[in-house]
Amino acid sequence: MQDISTESVRQIAIDYLRKRKDTEKIDISTIEKRQGCWVIRGTCPIDLEGHPWAEKFEVVIDEKGKIKSLDLSLL
């Protein structure tokens, strides 16, 4: 099986977050391959009762390009 590229996992994560968070601004800070999975970290904006905040995320994608997990937390 051929590994998917860094750019492919970046785009998978961005598309997933755009749909999930309903935002266009997604900043990716790191992409790393760990234990056969890709781990993508970054931030995206969130609106909490009219106040803008930043939310950090970690998306884990398997070797086939499927989302395994998503972790979100406020900065």
Protein backbone atom coordinates (compact mmCIF):
# COMPACT_ATOMS: atom_id res chain seq x y z
CA MET A 1 0.00 0.00 0.00
CA GLN A 2 1.28 3.45 -0.90
CA ASP A 3 1.51 6.10 1.81
CA ILE A 4 -0.56 9.22 1.35
CA SER A 5 1.39 12.46 1.09
CA THR A 6 1.76 15.24 3.61
CA GLU A 7 -0.20 17.56 1.33
CA SER A 8 -3.02 15.01 1.05
CA VAL A 9 -3.42 14.67 4.83
CA ARG A 10 -3.26 18.46 5.17
CA GLN A 11 -6.16 18.83 2.73
CA ILE A 12 -8.17 16.02 4.36
CA ALA A 13 -7.83 17.74 7.76
CA ILE A 14 -8.73 21.17 6.36
CA ASP A 15 -11.81 19.85 4.54
CA TYR A 16 -12.96 17.96 7.63
CA LEU A 17 -12.53 20.98 9.92
CA ARG A 18 -14.25 23.34 7.47
CA LYS A 19 -17.34 21.14 7.49
CA ARG A 20 -17.23 20.39 11.21
CA LYS A 21 -16.49 23.92 12.47
CA ASP A 22 -18.16 25.90 9.65
CA THR A 23 -15.13 28.17 9.17
CA GLU A 24 -12.75 29.03 6.37
CA LYS A 25 -9.77 30.10 8.52
CA ILE A 26 -7.77 27.08 9.61
CA ASP A 27 -4.11 27.43 10.56
CA ILE A 28 -2.05 24.22 10.49
CA SER A 29 1.05 24.38 12.67
CA THR A 30 2.45 20.83 12.50
CA ILE A 31 2.02 17.63 10.54
CA GLU A 32 3.83 14.54 11.74
CA LYS A 33 3.68 10.83 11.14
CA ARG A 34 3.54 8.81 14.33
CA GLN A 35 2.92 5.06 14.75
CA GLY A 36 1.44 4.62 11.29
CA CYS A 37 -0.91 7.62 11.58
CA TRP A 38 -0.69 11.27 10.65
CA VAL A 39 -1.17 13.85 13.41
CA ILE A 40 -2.16 17.34 12.29
CA ARG A 41 -2.22 20.20 14.82
CA GLY A 42 -3.24 23.83 14.53
CA THR A 43 -5.83 26.45 15.44
CA CYS A 44 -9.14 27.75 14.15
CA PRO A 45 -11.40 30.60 15.29
CA ILE A 46 -14.50 30.05 17.42
CA ASP A 47 -17.24 32.46 18.44
CA LEU A 48 -18.32 32.16 22.07
CA GLU A 49 -21.40 34.29 22.67
CA GLY A 50 -20.16 37.02 20.36
CA HIS A 51 -16.55 36.95 21.54
CA PRO A 52 -13.83 35.62 19.20
CA TRP A 53 -11.52 32.96 20.63
CA ALA A 54 -9.00 30.56 19.20
CA GLU A 55 -9.48 26.82 19.46
CA LYS A 56 -6.63 24.38 19.02
CA PHE A 57 -7.17 21.06 17.31
CA GLU A 58 -5.46 17.74 16.76
CA VAL A 59 -6.70 15.54 13.93
CA VAL A 60 -5.43 11.96 13.61
CA ILE A 61 -5.67 10.38 10.16
CA ASP A 62 -4.86 6.74 9.40
CA GLU A 63 -2.75 5.47 6.48
CA LYS A 64 -5.85 5.12 4.30
CA GLY A 65 -6.84 8.78 4.74
CA LYS A 66 -9.68 8.19 7.21
CA ILE A 67 -10.19 10.44 10.25
CA LYS A 68 -9.51 8.43 13.41
CA SER A 69 -10.00 11.18 15.97
CA LEU A 70 -10.43 14.91 16.53
CA ASP A 71 -9.47 16.70 19.74
CA LEU A 72 -10.55 20.33 20.26
CA SER A 73 -9.77 22.66 23.15
CA LEU A 74 -9.80 26.39 23.82
CA LEU A 75 -6.50 28.23 23.99
